PDB file of N, CA and C in Angstrom:
ATOM      1  N   MET A   1       0.718  -1.173  -0.044  1.00  0.00           N
ATOM      2  CA  MET A   1      -0.045  -0.029   0.049  1.00  0.00           C
ATOM      3  C   MET A   1       0.850   1.341   0.073  1.00  0.00           C
ATOM      4  N   LYS A   2       1.961   1.190   0.584  1.00  0.00           N
ATOM      5  CA  LYS A   2       2.782   2.336   0.675  1.00  0.00           C
ATOM      6  C   LYS A   2       3.325   2.710  -0.677  1.00  0.00           C
ATOM      7  N   LYS A   3       3.536   1.794  -1.651  1.00  0.00           N
ATOM      8  CA  LYS A   3       3.842   2.211  -3.080  1.00  0.00           C
ATOM      9  C   LYS A   3       2.940   3.124  -3.718  1.00  0.00           C
ATOM     10  N   TYR A   4       1.580   2.722  -3.560  1.00  0.00           N
ATOM     11  CA  TYR A   4       0.421   3.543  -4.151  1.00  0.00           C
ATOM     12  C   TYR A   4       0.331   4.819  -3.765  1.00  0.00           C
ATOM     13  N   ALA A   5       0.541   5.024  -2.415  1.00  0.00           N
ATOM     14  CA  ALA A   5       0.526   6.325  -1.650  1.00  0.00           C
ATOM     15  C   ALA A   5       1.732   7.249  -2.146  1.00  0.00           C
ATOM     16  N   GLN A   6       2.894   6.684  -2.309  1.00  0.00           N
ATOM     17  CA  GLN A   6       3.891   7.281  -2.712  1.00  0.00           C
ATOM     18  C   GLN A   6       3.746   7.742  -4.189  1.00  0.00           C
ATOM     19  N   ILE A   7       3.322   6.937  -4.903  1.00  0.00           N
ATOM     20  CA  ILE A   7       3.071   7.205  -6.333  1.00  0.00           C
ATOM     21  C   ILE A   7       1.975   8.208  -6.547  1.00  0.00           C
ATOM     22  N   GLN A   8       0.817   8.292  -5.810  1.00  0.00           N
ATOM     23  CA  GLN A   8      -0.228   9.098  -5.759  1.00  0.00           C
ATOM     24  C   GLN A   8       0.269  10.493  -5.313  1.00  0.00           C
ATOM     25  N   ASP A   9       1.188  10.588  -4.368  1.00  0.00           N
ATOM     26  CA  ASP A   9       1.939  11.839  -3.746  1.00  0.00           C
ATOM     27  C   ASP A   9       2.781  12.568  -4.781  1.00  0.00           C
ATOM     28  N   VAL A  10       3.558  11.644  -5.513  1.00  0.00           N
ATOM     29  CA  VAL A  10       4.357  12.220  -6.445  1.00  0.00           C
ATOM     30  C   VAL A  10       3.503  12.882  -7.845  1.00  0.00           C
ATOM     31  N   VAL A  11       2.663  12.088  -8.097  1.00  0.00           N
ATOM     32  CA  VAL A  11       1.789  12.350  -9.356  1.00  0.00           C
ATOM     33  C   VAL A  11       1.075  13.776  -8.939  1.00  0.00           C
ATOM     34  N   SER A  12       0.512  13.821  -7.967  1.00  0.00           N
ATOM     35  CA  SER A  12      -0.141  14.957  -7.513  1.00  0.00           C
ATOM     36  C   SER A  12       0.469  16.213  -7.401  1.00  0.00           C
ATOM     37  N   ARG A  13       1.643  15.970  -7.053  1.00  0.00           N
ATOM     38  CA  ARG A  13       2.631  17.158  -6.946  1.00  0.00           C
ATOM     39  C   ARG A  13       3.069  17.427  -8.346  1.00  0.00           C
ATOM     40  N   LEU A  14       3.144  16.633  -9.283  1.00  0.00           N
ATOM     41  CA  LEU A  14       3.686  16.727 -10.551  1.00  0.00           C
ATOM     42  C   LEU A  14       2.627  17.489 -11.491  1.00  0.00           C
ATOM     43  N   THR A  15       1.335  17.069 -11.442  1.00  0.00           N
ATOM     44  CA  THR A  15       0.529  17.616 -12.488  1.00  0.00           C
ATOM     45  C   THR A  15      -0.947  17.656 -11.900  1.00  0.00           C
ATOM     46  N   ASP A  16      -1.796  18.777 -12.309  1.00  0.00           N
ATOM     47  CA  ASP A  16      -3.096  18.582 -11.952  1.00  0.00           C
ATOM     48  C   ASP A  16      -4.091  18.455 -13.299  1.00  0.00           C
ATOM     49  N   HIS A  17      -3.251  18.042 -14.345  1.00  0.00           N
ATOM     50  CA  HIS A  17      -3.923  17.585 -15.603  1.00  0.00           C
ATOM     51  C   HIS A  17      -4.314  16.113 -15.447  1.00  0.00           C
ATOM     52  N   LYS A  18      -5.770  15.901 -15.531  1.00  0.00           N
ATOM     53  CA  LYS A  18      -6.213  14.379 -15.258  1.00  0.00           C
ATOM     54  C   LYS A  18      -5.541  13.527 -16.211  1.00  0.00           C
ATOM     55  N   THR A  19      -5.415  13.779 -17.624  1.00  0.00           N
ATOM     56  CA  THR A  19      -4.886  12.692 -18.373  1.00  0.00           C
ATOM     57  C   THR A  19      -3.441  12.491 -17.967  1.00  0.00           C
ATOM     58  N   PHE A  20      -2.584  13.364 -17.753  1.00  0.00           N
ATOM     59  CA  PHE A  20      -1.311  13.027 -17.204  1.00  0.00           C
ATOM     60  C   PHE A  20      -1.380  12.452 -15.786  1.00  0.00           C
ATOM     61  N   ARG A  21      -2.150  12.908 -15.077  1.00  0.00           N
ATOM     62  CA  ARG A  21      -2.260  12.097 -13.665  1.00  0.00           C
ATOM     63  C   ARG A  21      -2.486  10.542 -13.882  1.00  0.00           C
ATOM     64  N   THR A  22      -3.325  10.256 -14.914  1.00  0.00           N
ATOM     65  CA  THR A  22      -3.644   8.906 -15.136  1.00  0.00           C
ATOM     66  C   THR A  22      -2.498   8.138 -15.698  1.00  0.00           C
ATOM     67  N   PHE A  23      -1.766   8.876 -16.748  1.00  0.00           N
ATOM     68  CA  PHE A  23      -0.743   8.240 -17.506  1.00  0.00           C
ATOM     69  C   PHE A  23       0.485   7.945 -16.610  1.00  0.00           C
ATOM     70  N   PHE A  24       0.748   9.158 -15.751  1.00  0.00           N
ATOM     71  CA  PHE A  24       2.056   9.026 -14.859  1.00  0.00           C
ATOM     72  C   PHE A  24       1.669   7.736 -13.794  1.00  0.00           C
ATOM     73  N   THR A  25       0.494   7.916 -13.243  1.00  0.00           N
ATOM     74  CA  THR A  25       0.144   6.642 -12.232  1.00  0.00           C
ATOM     75  C   THR A  25       0.333   5.308 -12.907  1.00  0.00           C
ATOM     76  N   LEU A  26      -0.413   5.137 -14.059  1.00  0.00           N
ATOM     77  CA  LEU A  26      -0.277   3.879 -14.766  1.00  0.00           C
ATOM     78  C   LEU A  26       1.241   3.527 -15.132  1.00  0.00           C
ATOM     79  N   TYR A  27       2.131   4.750 -15.589  1.00  0.00           N
ATOM     80  CA  TYR A  27       3.523   4.391 -15.980  1.00  0.00           C
ATOM     81  C   TYR A  27       4.474   4.124 -14.654  1.00  0.00           C
ATOM     82  N   LEU A  28       4.074   4.675 -13.524  1.00  0.00           N
ATOM     83  CA  LEU A  28       4.866   4.360 -12.289  1.00  0.00           C
ATOM     84  C   LEU A  28       4.421   3.147 -11.701  1.00  0.00           C
ATOM     85  N   MET A  29       3.212   2.754 -11.972  1.00  0.00           N
ATOM     86  CA  MET A  29       2.776   1.290 -11.347  1.00  0.00           C
ATOM     87  C   MET A  29       3.089   0.179 -12.139  1.00  0.00           C
ATOM     88  N   ALA A  30       3.528   0.446 -13.371  1.00  0.00           N
ATOM     89  CA  ALA A  30       3.918  -0.681 -14.090  1.00  0.00           C
ATOM     90  C   ALA A  30       4.977  -1.628 -13.663  1.00  0.00           C
ATOM     91  N   GLU A  31       4.959  -2.866 -13.851  1.00  0.00           N
ATOM     92  CA  GLU A  31       5.815  -3.841 -13.202  1.00  0.00           C
ATOM     93  C   GLU A  31       6.877  -4.226 -14.026  1.00  0.00           C
ATOM     94  N   SER A  32       7.002  -3.822 -15.267  1.00  0.00           N
ATOM     95  CA  SER A  32       8.132  -4.094 -16.045  1.00  0.00           C
ATOM     96  C   SER A  32       8.475  -2.929 -17.122  1.00  0.00           C
ATOM     97  N   ASP A  33       9.798  -2.945 -17.728  1.00  0.00           N
ATOM     98  CA  ASP A  33       9.987  -1.906 -18.695  1.00  0.00           C
ATOM     99  C   ASP A  33       9.016  -2.081 -20.070  1.00  0.00           C
ATOM    100  N   VAL A  34       8.823  -3.359 -20.194  1.00  0.00           N
ATOM    101  CA  VAL A  34       7.882  -3.845 -21.429  1.00  0.00           C
ATOM    102  C   VAL A  34       6.578  -3.101 -21.057  1.00  0.00           C
ATOM    103  N   GLU A  35       6.059  -3.259 -19.900  1.00  0.00           N
ATOM    104  CA  GLU A  35       4.772  -2.616 -19.671  1.00  0.00           C
ATOM    105  C   GLU A  35       4.719  -1.190 -19.573  1.00  0.00           C
ATOM    106  N   ARG A  36       5.859  -0.585 -19.303  1.00  0.00           N
ATOM    107  CA  ARG A  36       6.153   1.024 -19.293  1.00  0.00           C
ATOM    108  C   ARG A  36       6.102   1.372 -20.757  1.00  0.00           C
ATOM    109  N   ARG A  37       6.689   0.821 -21.639  1.00  0.00           N
ATOM    110  CA  ARG A  37       6.982   1.110 -23.048  1.00  0.00           C
ATOM    111  C   ARG A  37       5.668   1.019 -23.601  1.00  0.00           C
ATOM    112  N   HIS A  38       4.820  -0.067 -23.369  1.00  0.00           N
ATOM    113  CA  HIS A  38       3.449  -0.261 -23.920  1.00  0.00           C
ATOM    114  C   HIS A  38       2.442   0.900 -23.435  1.00  0.00           C
ATOM    115  N   ILE A  39       2.659   1.269 -22.138  1.00  0.00           N
ATOM    116  CA  ILE A  39       1.790   2.346 -21.801  1.00  0.00           C
ATOM    117  C   ILE A  39       2.182   3.811 -22.492  1.00  0.00           C
ATOM    118  N   ASN A  40       3.429   3.828 -22.536  1.00  0.00           N
ATOM    119  CA  ASN A  40       3.899   5.102 -23.274  1.00  0.00           C
ATOM    120  C   ASN A  40       3.571   5.096 -24.788  1.00  0.00           C
ATOM    121  N   ASP A  41       3.809   4.108 -25.509  1.00  0.00           N
ATOM    122  CA  ASP A  41       3.367   3.928 -26.783  1.00  0.00           C
ATOM    123  C   ASP A  41       1.829   4.192 -26.977  1.00  0.00           C
ATOM    124  N   ARG A  42       1.242   3.646 -26.072  1.00  0.00           N
ATOM    125  CA  ARG A  42      -0.445   3.540 -26.279  1.00  0.00           C
ATOM    126  C   ARG A  42      -0.871   5.063 -26.160  1.00  0.00           C
ATOM    127  N   PHE A  43      -0.099   5.597 -25.238  1.00  0.00           N
ATOM    128  CA  PHE A  43      -0.428   7.041 -24.766  1.00  0.00           C
ATOM    129  C   PHE A  43      -0.223   8.011 -25.943  1.00  0.00           C
ATOM    130  N   TRP A  44       1.074   7.993 -26.635  1.00  0.00           N
ATOM    131  CA  TRP A  44       1.249   8.805 -27.890  1.00  0.00           C
ATOM    132  C   TRP A  44       0.542   8.367 -28.918  1.00  0.00           C
ATOM    133  N   LYS A  45       0.218   7.178 -29.286  1.00  0.00           N
ATOM    134  CA  LYS A  45      -0.652   6.757 -30.206  1.00  0.00           C
ATOM    135  C   LYS A  45      -1.988   7.207 -30.137  1.00  0.00           C
ATOM    136  N   ASP A  46      -2.646   7.304 -28.991  1.00  0.00           N
ATOM    137  CA  ASP A  46      -3.767   7.936 -28.784  1.00  0.00           C
ATOM    138  C   ASP A  46      -3.857   9.333 -28.920  1.00  0.00           C
ATOM    139  N   ALA A  47      -2.806  10.105 -28.437  1.00  0.00           N
ATOM    140  CA  ALA A  47      -2.677  11.577 -28.577  1.00  0.00           C
ATOM    141  C   ALA A  47      -2.593  11.914 -30.082  1.00  0.00           C
ATOM    142  N   GLU A  48      -1.981  11.219 -30.937  1.00  0.00           N
ATOM    143  CA  GLU A  48      -1.824  11.275 -32.304  1.00  0.00           C
ATOM    144  C   GLU A  48      -3.303  11.683 -33.068  1.00  0.00           C
ATOM    145  N   THR A  49      -4.116  10.968 -32.372  1.00  0.00           N
ATOM    146  CA  THR A  49      -5.753  10.923 -32.934  1.00  0.00           C
ATOM    147  C   THR A  49      -6.346  12.472 -32.630  1.00  0.00           C
ATOM    148  N   LEU A  50      -5.855  13.186 -31.558  1.00  0.00           N
ATOM    149  CA  LEU A  50      -6.563  14.426 -31.279  1.00  0.00           C
ATOM    150  C   LEU A  50      -6.245  15.498 -32.130  1.00  0.00           C
ATOM    151  N   PRO A  51      -7.174  16.360 -32.271  1.00  0.00           N
ATOM    152  CA  PRO A  51      -6.752  17.600 -33.159  1.00  0.00           C
ATOM    153  C   PRO A  51      -5.472  18.267 -32.579  1.00  0.00           C
ATOM    154  N   PRO A  52      -4.824  18.919 -33.758  1.00  0.00           N
ATOM    155  CA  PRO A  52      -3.562  19.552 -33.533  1.00  0.00           C
ATOM    156  C   PRO A  52      -3.411  20.549 -32.212  1.00  0.00           C
ATOM    157  N   ALA A  53      -4.451  21.283 -31.986  1.00  0.00           N
ATOM    158  CA  ALA A  53      -4.415  22.151 -30.936  1.00  0.00           C
ATOM    159  C   ALA A  53      -4.578  21.366 -29.471  1.00  0.00           C
ATOM    160  N   GLU A  54      -5.131  20.365 -29.407  1.00  0.00           N
ATOM    161  CA  GLU A  54      -5.050  19.360 -28.204  1.00  0.00           C
ATOM    162  C   GLU A  54      -3.622  18.792 -27.994  1.00  0.00           C
ATOM    163  N   GLN A  55      -3.150  18.168 -29.133  1.00  0.00           N
ATOM    164  CA  GLN A  55      -1.892  17.761 -28.973  1.00  0.00           C
ATOM    165  C   GLN A  55      -0.816  18.741 -28.702  1.00  0.00           C
ATOM    166  N   GLN A  56      -0.909  20.009 -28.917  1.00  0.00           N
ATOM    167  CA  GLN A  56       0.032  21.030 -28.585  1.00  0.00           C
ATOM    168  C   GLN A  56      -0.165  21.328 -27.039  1.00  0.00           C
ATOM    169  N   LEU A  57      -1.497  21.337 -26.565  1.00  0.00           N
ATOM    170  CA  LEU A  57      -1.677  21.451 -25.253  1.00  0.00           C
ATOM    171  C   LEU A  57      -1.234  20.359 -24.338  1.00  0.00           C
ATOM    172  N   LEU A  58      -1.263  19.135 -24.888  1.00  0.00           N
ATOM    173  CA  LEU A  58      -0.726  18.011 -24.188  1.00  0.00           C
ATOM    174  C   LEU A  58       0.822  18.137 -23.974  1.00  0.00           C
ATOM    175  N   ARG A  59       1.475  18.521 -25.055  1.00  0.00           N
ATOM    176  CA  ARG A  59       2.874  18.736 -25.107  1.00  0.00           C
ATOM    177  C   ARG A  59       3.307  19.916 -24.052  1.00  0.00           C
ATOM    178  N   ALA A  60       2.556  20.947 -24.232  1.00  0.00           N
ATOM    179  CA  ALA A  60       2.758  22.080 -23.282  1.00  0.00           C
ATOM    180  C   ALA A  60       2.723  21.495 -21.836  1.00  0.00           C
ATOM    181  N   GLU A  61       1.743  20.768 -21.525  1.00  0.00           N
ATOM    182  CA  GLU A  61       1.567  20.195 -19.968  1.00  0.00           C
ATOM    183  C   GLU A  61       2.885  19.260 -19.810  1.00  0.00           C
ATOM    184  N   LEU A  62       3.296  18.488 -20.558  1.00  0.00           N
ATOM    185  CA  LEU A  62       4.429  17.673 -20.398  1.00  0.00           C
ATOM    186  C   LEU A  62       5.619  18.407 -20.161  1.00  0.00           C
ATOM    187  N   THR A  63       5.664  19.558 -20.984  1.00  0.00           N
ATOM    188  CA  THR A  63       6.826  20.363 -20.778  1.00  0.00           C
ATOM    189  C   THR A  63       6.926  20.995 -19.346  1.00  0.00           C
ATOM    190  N   ARG A  64       5.478  21.466 -18.822  1.00  0.00           N
ATOM    191  CA  ARG A  64       5.387  21.861 -17.406  1.00  0.00           C
ATOM    192  C   ARG A  64       5.820  20.800 -16.430  1.00  0.00           C
ATOM    193  N   CYS A  65       5.340  19.665 -16.673  1.00  0.00           N
ATOM    194  CA  CYS A  65       5.726  18.482 -15.873  1.00  0.00           C
ATOM    195  C   CYS A  65       7.130  18.372 -15.515  1.00  0.00           C
ATOM    196  N   PHE A  66       7.908  18.184 -16.845  1.00  0.00           N
ATOM    197  CA  PHE A  66       9.260  18.091 -16.776  1.00  0.00           C
ATOM    198  C   PHE A  66      10.009  19.244 -16.181  1.00  0.00           C
ATOM    199  N   LEU A  67       9.448  20.515 -16.351  1.00  0.00           N
ATOM    200  CA  LEU A  67      10.207  21.692 -15.723  1.00  0.00           C
ATOM    201  C   LEU A  67       9.930  21.681 -13.977  1.00  0.00           C
ATOM    202  N   ARG A  68       8.953  20.830 -13.584  1.00  0.00           N
ATOM    203  CA  ARG A  68       8.608  20.634 -11.981  1.00  0.00           C
ATOM    204  C   ARG A  68       9.804  19.647 -11.523  1.00  0.00           C
ATOM    205  N   LEU A  69      10.147  18.834 -12.371  1.00  0.00           N
ATOM    206  CA  LEU A  69      10.931  17.804 -11.848  1.00  0.00           C
ATOM    207  C   LEU A  69      12.211  18.159 -10.805  1.00  0.00           C
ATOM    208  N   PRO A  70      12.982  18.994 -11.521  1.00  0.00           N
ATOM    209  CA  PRO A  70      14.230  19.581 -10.862  1.00  0.00           C
ATOM    210  C   PRO A  70      13.938  20.093  -9.302  1.00  0.00           C
ATOM    211  N   GLY A  71      12.660  20.808  -9.137  1.00  0.00           N
ATOM    212  CA  GLY A  71      12.541  21.125  -7.857  1.00  0.00           C
ATOM    213  C   GLY A  71      12.025  20.157  -6.999  1.00  0.00           C
ATOM    214  N   MET A  72      11.202  19.180  -7.708  1.00  0.00           N
ATOM    215  CA  MET A  72      10.795  17.951  -6.836  1.00  0.00           C
ATOM    216  C   MET A  72      12.077  17.080  -6.436  1.00  0.00           C
ATOM    217  N   ALA A  73      12.971  16.875  -7.308  1.00  0.00           N
ATOM    218  CA  ALA A  73      14.118  16.247  -6.905  1.00  0.00           C
ATOM    219  C   ALA A  73      14.820  16.785  -5.903  1.00  0.00           C
ATOM    220  N   ALA A  74      15.132  18.271  -5.847  1.00  0.00           N
ATOM    221  CA  ALA A  74      15.869  18.974  -5.034  1.00  0.00           C
ATOM    222  C   ALA A  74      15.126  18.576  -3.546  1.00  0.00           C
ATOM    223  N   ASP A  75      13.663  18.773  -3.513  1.00  0.00           N
ATOM    224  CA  ASP A  75      13.094  18.590  -2.270  1.00  0.00           C
ATOM    225  C   ASP A  75      13.355  17.179  -1.741  1.00  0.00           C
ATOM    226  N   LEU A  76      13.363  16.261  -2.616  1.00  0.00           N
ATOM    227  CA  LEU A  76      13.563  14.838  -2.198  1.00  0.00           C
ATOM    228  C   LEU A  76      14.768  14.711  -1.605  1.00  0.00           C
ATOM    229  N   ILE A  77      15.853  15.377  -2.234  1.00  0.00           N
ATOM    230  CA  ILE A  77      17.362  15.187  -1.884  1.00  0.00           C
ATOM    231  C   ILE A  77      17.291  15.689  -0.342  1.00  0.00           C
ATOM    232  N   GLU A  78      16.602  16.954  -0.267  1.00  0.00           N
ATOM    233  CA  GLU A  78      16.555  17.709   0.990  1.00  0.00           C
ATOM    234  C   GLU A  78      15.932  16.893   2.125  1.00  0.00           C
ATOM    235  N   ARG A  79      14.829  16.146   1.954  1.00  0.00           N
ATOM    236  CA  ARG A  79      14.087  15.475   2.894  1.00  0.00           C
ATOM    237  C   ARG A  79      14.778  14.262   3.157  1.00  0.00           C
ATOM    238  N   THR A  80      15.466  13.703   2.188  1.00  0.00           N
ATOM    239  CA  THR A  80      16.250  12.542   2.430  1.00  0.00           C
ATOM    240  C   THR A  80      17.687  12.718   3.156  1.00  0.00           C
ATOM    241  N   ALA A  81      18.169  13.973   3.155  1.00  0.00           N
ATOM    242  CA  ALA A  81      19.475  14.163   3.871  1.00  0.00           C
ATOM    243  C   ALA A  81      19.362  14.694   5.102  1.00  0.00           C
ATOM    244  N   ALA A  82      18.109  15.155   5.334  1.00  0.00           N
ATOM    245  CA  ALA A  82      17.746  15.733   6.825  1.00  0.00           C
ATOM    246  C   ALA A  82      18.150  14.798   7.895  1.00  0.00           C
ATOM    247  N   PRO A  83      18.651  14.919   8.895  1.00  0.00           N
ATOM    248  CA  PRO A  83      18.884  14.105   9.980  1.00  0.00           C
ATOM    249  C   PRO A  83      17.568  13.651  10.609  1.00  0.00           C
ATOM    250  N   VAL A  84      17.605  12.408  11.112  1.00  0.00           N
ATOM    251  CA  VAL A  84      16.485  11.724  11.534  1.00  0.00           C
ATOM    252  C   VAL A  84      16.505  12.051  13.025  1.00  0.00           C
ATOM    253  N   VAL A  85      15.552  12.570  13.747  1.00  0.00           N
ATOM    254  CA  VAL A  85      15.378  12.932  15.125  1.00  0.00           C
ATOM    255  C   VAL A  85      14.776  11.658  15.857  1.00  0.00           C
TER     256      VAL A  85
END
């Protein structure tokens, strides 16, 4: 159960976009690289069927997600480096 809670925490801090929340949750819950590759391929194949404007919005949100990662990584490093009392 701890894995589910941790993934939910990471995903909720990463994005508010419901499509990407679902995608990242499924991706992070995948049991293998093959499963992750399948999820990724399916997501982008489905995205190709969207109108160009919606595809552009998806790409913009993905960029926002990636821009949040350095801050999230720094926060994680800070929390794990803090002395345990």
